[in-house]
Amino acid sequence: MTISTGESLITAADIDDLIVRVRLTAGDPGDLESAKAALFSDAAPDPEAARPIRQRLLVTALHHGGALLAKLLSRLSPRETAMVRRYAHRLANFLETLEVWAAQPIMLALMRFGLPYEEAETIAVAVLVLVW
């Protein structure tokens, strides 16, 4: 991933996987289809406009699982992966409340959930790398 160009690790296939998962559990995946159209239309989206879309996709992945969540977990140790799986819904709910995604508030939330500092830091950075 090249952060400076706005290139994302999130692919159209990841979004398609989320659409199927949401359709099976929650019903209407309209927001996800709009997100896919915004991120993968012929005109490349502005990085500042694309970031909140990717953030919303990650929150959805934390709630529903799938390929996008697997991409996040692949950046983590087995211990950190277990922690994310255990607290995925709480983390997603917290991330939904953030106006500005930054490492420190994410780390502090994870530490409030009971994660040690090092694991909280690694997870926060992995989250930001995926959506930045």
C-alpha atoms as a PDB file:
ATOM      1  CA  MET A   1       0.000   0.000   0.000  1.00  0.00           C
ATOM      2  CA  THR A   2       1.265   3.432  -0.906  1.00  0.00           C
ATOM      3  CA  ILE A   3      -0.293   5.876   1.487  1.00  0.00           C
ATOM      4  CA  SER A   4       0.942   8.965  -0.338  1.00  0.00           C
ATOM      5  CA  THR A   5      -1.007   8.137  -3.506  1.00  0.00           C
ATOM      6  CA  GLY A   6      -4.183   7.139  -1.717  1.00  0.00           C
ATOM      7  CA  GLU A   7      -3.910   3.576  -3.070  1.00  0.00           C
ATOM      8  CA  SER A   8      -5.884   1.264  -0.813  1.00  0.00           C
ATOM      9  CA  LEU A   9      -5.440  -2.276   0.399  1.00  0.00           C
ATOM     10  CA  ILE A  10      -9.212  -2.637   0.204  1.00  0.00           C
ATOM     11  CA  THR A  11     -10.303  -4.239  -3.063  1.00  0.00           C
ATOM     12  CA  ALA A  12     -13.605  -4.518  -4.903  1.00  0.00           C
ATOM     13  CA  ALA A  13     -13.590  -8.235  -4.033  1.00  0.00           C
ATOM     14  CA  ASP A  14     -13.371  -7.342  -0.323  1.00  0.00           C
ATOM     15  CA  ILE A  15     -16.442  -5.148  -0.680  1.00  0.00           C
ATOM     16  CA  ASP A  16     -18.285  -7.829  -2.653  1.00  0.00           C
ATOM     17  CA  ASP A  17     -17.575 -10.252   0.203  1.00  0.00           C
ATOM     18  CA  LEU A  18     -18.971  -7.743   2.719  1.00  0.00           C
ATOM     19  CA  ILE A  19     -22.068  -7.218   0.570  1.00  0.00           C
ATOM     20  CA  VAL A  20     -22.787 -10.962   0.643  1.00  0.00           C
ATOM     21  CA  ARG A  21     -22.202 -11.144   4.401  1.00  0.00           C
ATOM     22  CA  VAL A  22     -24.402  -8.147   5.168  1.00  0.00           C
ATOM     23  CA  ARG A  23     -27.125  -9.426   2.853  1.00  0.00           C
ATOM     24  CA  LEU A  24     -27.141 -12.733   4.772  1.00  0.00           C
ATOM     25  CA  THR A  25     -27.252 -11.186   8.244  1.00  0.00           C
ATOM     26  CA  ALA A  26     -28.552  -7.641   8.143  1.00  0.00           C
ATOM     27  CA  GLY A  27     -30.460  -7.286   4.891  1.00  0.00           C
ATOM     28  CA  ASP A  28     -29.842  -4.278   2.674  1.00  0.00           C
ATOM     29  CA  PRO A  29     -26.193  -3.702   1.687  1.00  0.00           C
ATOM     30  CA  GLY A  30     -27.012  -0.466  -0.185  1.00  0.00           C
ATOM     31  CA  ASP A  31     -24.339   1.560   1.615  1.00  0.00           C
ATOM     32  CA  LEU A  32     -21.711  -0.993   0.654  1.00  0.00           C
ATOM     33  CA  GLU A  33     -22.691  -0.944  -2.994  1.00  0.00           C
ATOM     34  CA  SER A  34     -22.468   2.860  -2.933  1.00  0.00           C
ATOM     35  CA  ALA A  35     -19.055   2.620  -1.265  1.00  0.00           C
ATOM     36  CA  LYS A  36     -17.819   0.247  -3.945  1.00  0.00           C
ATOM     37  CA  ALA A  37     -19.072   2.566  -6.676  1.00  0.00           C
ATOM     38  CA  ALA A  38     -17.394   5.560  -5.025  1.00  0.00           C
ATOM     39  CA  LEU A  39     -14.045   3.824  -4.557  1.00  0.00           C
ATOM     40  CA  PHE A  40     -13.862   1.962  -7.861  1.00  0.00           C
ATOM     41  CA  SER A  41     -15.502   4.243 -10.408  1.00  0.00           C
ATOM     42  CA  ASP A  42     -13.557   5.421 -13.458  1.00  0.00           C
ATOM     43  CA  ALA A  43     -12.670   8.682 -11.730  1.00  0.00           C
ATOM     44  CA  ALA A  44     -10.307   8.016  -8.829  1.00  0.00           C
ATOM     45  CA  PRO A  45     -11.806   9.355  -5.592  1.00  0.00           C
ATOM     46  CA  ASP A  46     -10.143  12.127  -3.677  1.00  0.00           C
ATOM     47  CA  PRO A  47      -8.074  10.512  -0.868  1.00  0.00           C
ATOM     48  CA  GLU A  48      -9.794  12.680   1.736  1.00  0.00           C
ATOM     49  CA  ALA A  49     -13.216  11.572   0.476  1.00  0.00           C
ATOM     50  CA  ALA A  50     -12.178   7.917   0.196  1.00  0.00           C
ATOM     51  CA  ARG A  51     -10.847   7.614   3.749  1.00  0.00           C
ATOM     52  CA  PRO A  52     -14.246   7.789   5.519  1.00  0.00           C
ATOM     53  CA  ILE A  53     -15.598   5.245   3.057  1.00  0.00           C
ATOM     54  CA  ARG A  54     -12.757   2.843   3.863  1.00  0.00           C
ATOM     55  CA  GLN A  55     -13.296   3.497   7.576  1.00  0.00           C
ATOM     56  CA  ARG A  56     -16.974   2.574   7.252  1.00  0.00           C
ATOM     57  CA  LEU A  57     -16.006  -0.588   5.361  1.00  0.00           C
ATOM     58  CA  LEU A  58     -13.632  -1.646   8.138  1.00  0.00           C
ATOM     59  CA  VAL A  59     -16.277  -1.039  10.796  1.00  0.00           C
ATOM     60  CA  THR A  60     -18.663  -3.208   8.789  1.00  0.00           C
ATOM     61  CA  ALA A  61     -15.974  -5.900   8.487  1.00  0.00           C
ATOM     62  CA  LEU A  62     -15.449  -5.850  12.258  1.00  0.00           C
ATOM     63  CA  HIS A  63     -19.178  -6.498  12.676  1.00  0.00           C
ATOM     64  CA  HIS A  64     -19.592  -9.072   9.887  1.00  0.00           C
ATOM     65  CA  GLY A  65     -16.159 -10.662   9.292  1.00  0.00           C
ATOM     66  CA  GLY A  66     -14.886 -11.675   5.884  1.00  0.00           C
ATOM     67  CA  ALA A  67     -11.963 -10.952   3.619  1.00  0.00           C
ATOM     68  CA  LEU A  68     -11.434  -7.378   4.775  1.00  0.00           C
ATOM     69  CA  LEU A  69     -11.251  -8.421   8.413  1.00  0.00           C
ATOM     70  CA  ALA A  70      -8.841 -11.178   7.361  1.00  0.00           C
ATOM     71  CA  LYS A  71      -6.590  -8.509   5.811  1.00  0.00           C
ATOM     72  CA  LEU A  72      -6.480  -6.676   9.126  1.00  0.00           C
ATOM     73  CA  LEU A  73      -5.809  -9.868  11.063  1.00  0.00           C
ATOM     74  CA  SER A  74      -3.044 -10.928   8.666  1.00  0.00           C
ATOM     75  CA  ARG A  75      -1.002  -7.954   9.907  1.00  0.00           C
ATOM     76  CA  LEU A  76      -1.226  -9.138  13.521  1.00  0.00           C
ATOM     77  CA  SER A  77       0.283 -11.835  15.701  1.00  0.00           C
ATOM     78  CA  PRO A  78      -1.879 -14.791  16.755  1.00  0.00           C
ATOM     79  CA  ARG A  79      -2.348 -13.188  20.181  1.00  0.00           C
ATOM     80  CA  GLU A  80      -3.392  -9.837  18.684  1.00  0.00           C
ATOM     81  CA  THR A  81      -5.689 -11.634  16.236  1.00  0.00           C
ATOM     82  CA  ALA A  82      -7.428 -13.368  19.128  1.00  0.00           C
ATOM     83  CA  MET A  83      -7.846 -10.019  20.879  1.00  0.00           C
ATOM     84  CA  VAL A  84      -9.353  -8.369  17.810  1.00  0.00           C
ATOM     85  CA  ARG A  85     -11.730 -11.293  17.334  1.00  0.00           C
ATOM     86  CA  ARG A  86     -12.771 -11.118  20.977  1.00  0.00           C
ATOM     87  CA  TYR A  87     -13.378  -7.362  20.935  1.00  0.00           C
ATOM     88  CA  ALA A  88     -14.361  -6.844  17.270  1.00  0.00           C
ATOM     89  CA  HIS A  89     -17.863  -5.555  17.988  1.00  0.00           C
ATOM     90  CA  ARG A  90     -16.731  -3.274  20.798  1.00  0.00           C
ATOM     91  CA  LEU A  91     -13.931  -1.915  18.619  1.00  0.00           C
ATOM     92  CA  ALA A  92     -16.352  -1.365  15.725  1.00  0.00           C
ATOM     93  CA  ASN A  93     -18.813   0.438  17.994  1.00  0.00           C
ATOM     94  CA  PHE A  94     -16.006   2.653  19.292  1.00  0.00           C
ATOM     95  CA  LEU A  95     -14.684   3.421  15.802  1.00  0.00           C
ATOM     96  CA  GLU A  96     -18.177   4.482  14.739  1.00  0.00           C
ATOM     97  CA  THR A  97     -18.026   7.266  17.329  1.00  0.00           C
ATOM     98  CA  LEU A  98     -14.672   8.684  16.211  1.00  0.00           C
ATOM     99  CA  GLU A  99     -14.673  11.816  14.115  1.00  0.00           C
ATOM    100  CA  VAL A 100     -10.916  11.702  13.532  1.00  0.00           C
ATOM    101  CA  TRP A 101      -9.246   8.322  13.407  1.00  0.00           C
ATOM    102  CA  ALA A 102      -5.851   8.463  15.106  1.00  0.00           C
ATOM    103  CA  ALA A 103      -3.686   5.902  16.855  1.00  0.00           C
ATOM    104  CA  GLN A 104      -3.924   7.313  20.366  1.00  0.00           C
ATOM    105  CA  PRO A 105      -7.713   7.197  20.844  1.00  0.00           C
ATOM    106  CA  ILE A 106      -7.905   3.744  19.269  1.00  0.00           C
ATOM    107  CA  MET A 107      -5.085   2.515  21.525  1.00  0.00           C
ATOM    108  CA  LEU A 108      -6.732   3.987  24.617  1.00  0.00           C
ATOM    109  CA  ALA A 109     -10.051   2.341  23.759  1.00  0.00           C
ATOM    110  CA  LEU A 110      -8.348  -1.016  23.265  1.00  0.00           C
ATOM    111  CA  MET A 111      -6.542  -0.614  26.568  1.00  0.00           C
ATOM    112  CA  ARG A 112      -9.882   0.156  28.265  1.00  0.00           C
ATOM    113  CA  PHE A 113     -11.121  -3.147  26.825  1.00  0.00           C
ATOM    114  CA  GLY A 114      -8.210  -4.804  28.687  1.00  0.00           C
ATOM    115  CA  LEU A 115      -5.508  -5.101  26.019  1.00  0.00           C
ATOM    116  CA  PRO A 116      -1.882  -4.465  26.980  1.00  0.00           C
ATOM    117  CA  TYR A 117      -0.196  -1.354  25.565  1.00  0.00           C
ATOM    118  CA  GLU A 118       1.959  -3.138  22.954  1.00  0.00           C
ATOM    119  CA  GLU A 119      -0.928  -5.104  21.480  1.00  0.00           C
ATOM    120  CA  ALA A 120      -3.192  -2.047  21.522  1.00  0.00           C
ATOM    121  CA  GLU A 121      -0.551  -0.024  19.681  1.00  0.00           C
ATOM    122  CA  THR A 122       0.012  -2.688  17.013  1.00  0.00           C
ATOM    123  CA  ILE A 123      -3.717  -3.145  16.423  1.00  0.00           C
ATOM    124  CA  ALA A 124      -4.331   0.617  16.223  1.00  0.00           C
ATOM    125  CA  VAL A 125      -1.563   1.032  13.649  1.00  0.00           C
ATOM    126  CA  ALA A 126      -2.852  -1.922  11.604  1.00  0.00           C
ATOM    127  CA  VAL A 127      -6.344  -0.404  11.581  1.00  0.00           C
ATOM    128  CA  LEU A 128      -5.028   2.952  10.402  1.00  0.00           C
ATOM    129  CA  VAL A 129      -2.784   1.473   7.713  1.00  0.00           C
ATOM    130  CA  LEU A 130      -5.750  -0.415   6.283  1.00  0.00           C
ATOM    131  CA  VAL A 131      -7.996   2.646   6.001  1.00  0.00           C
ATOM    132  CA  TRP A 132      -5.463   5.392   5.354  1.00  0.00           C
END
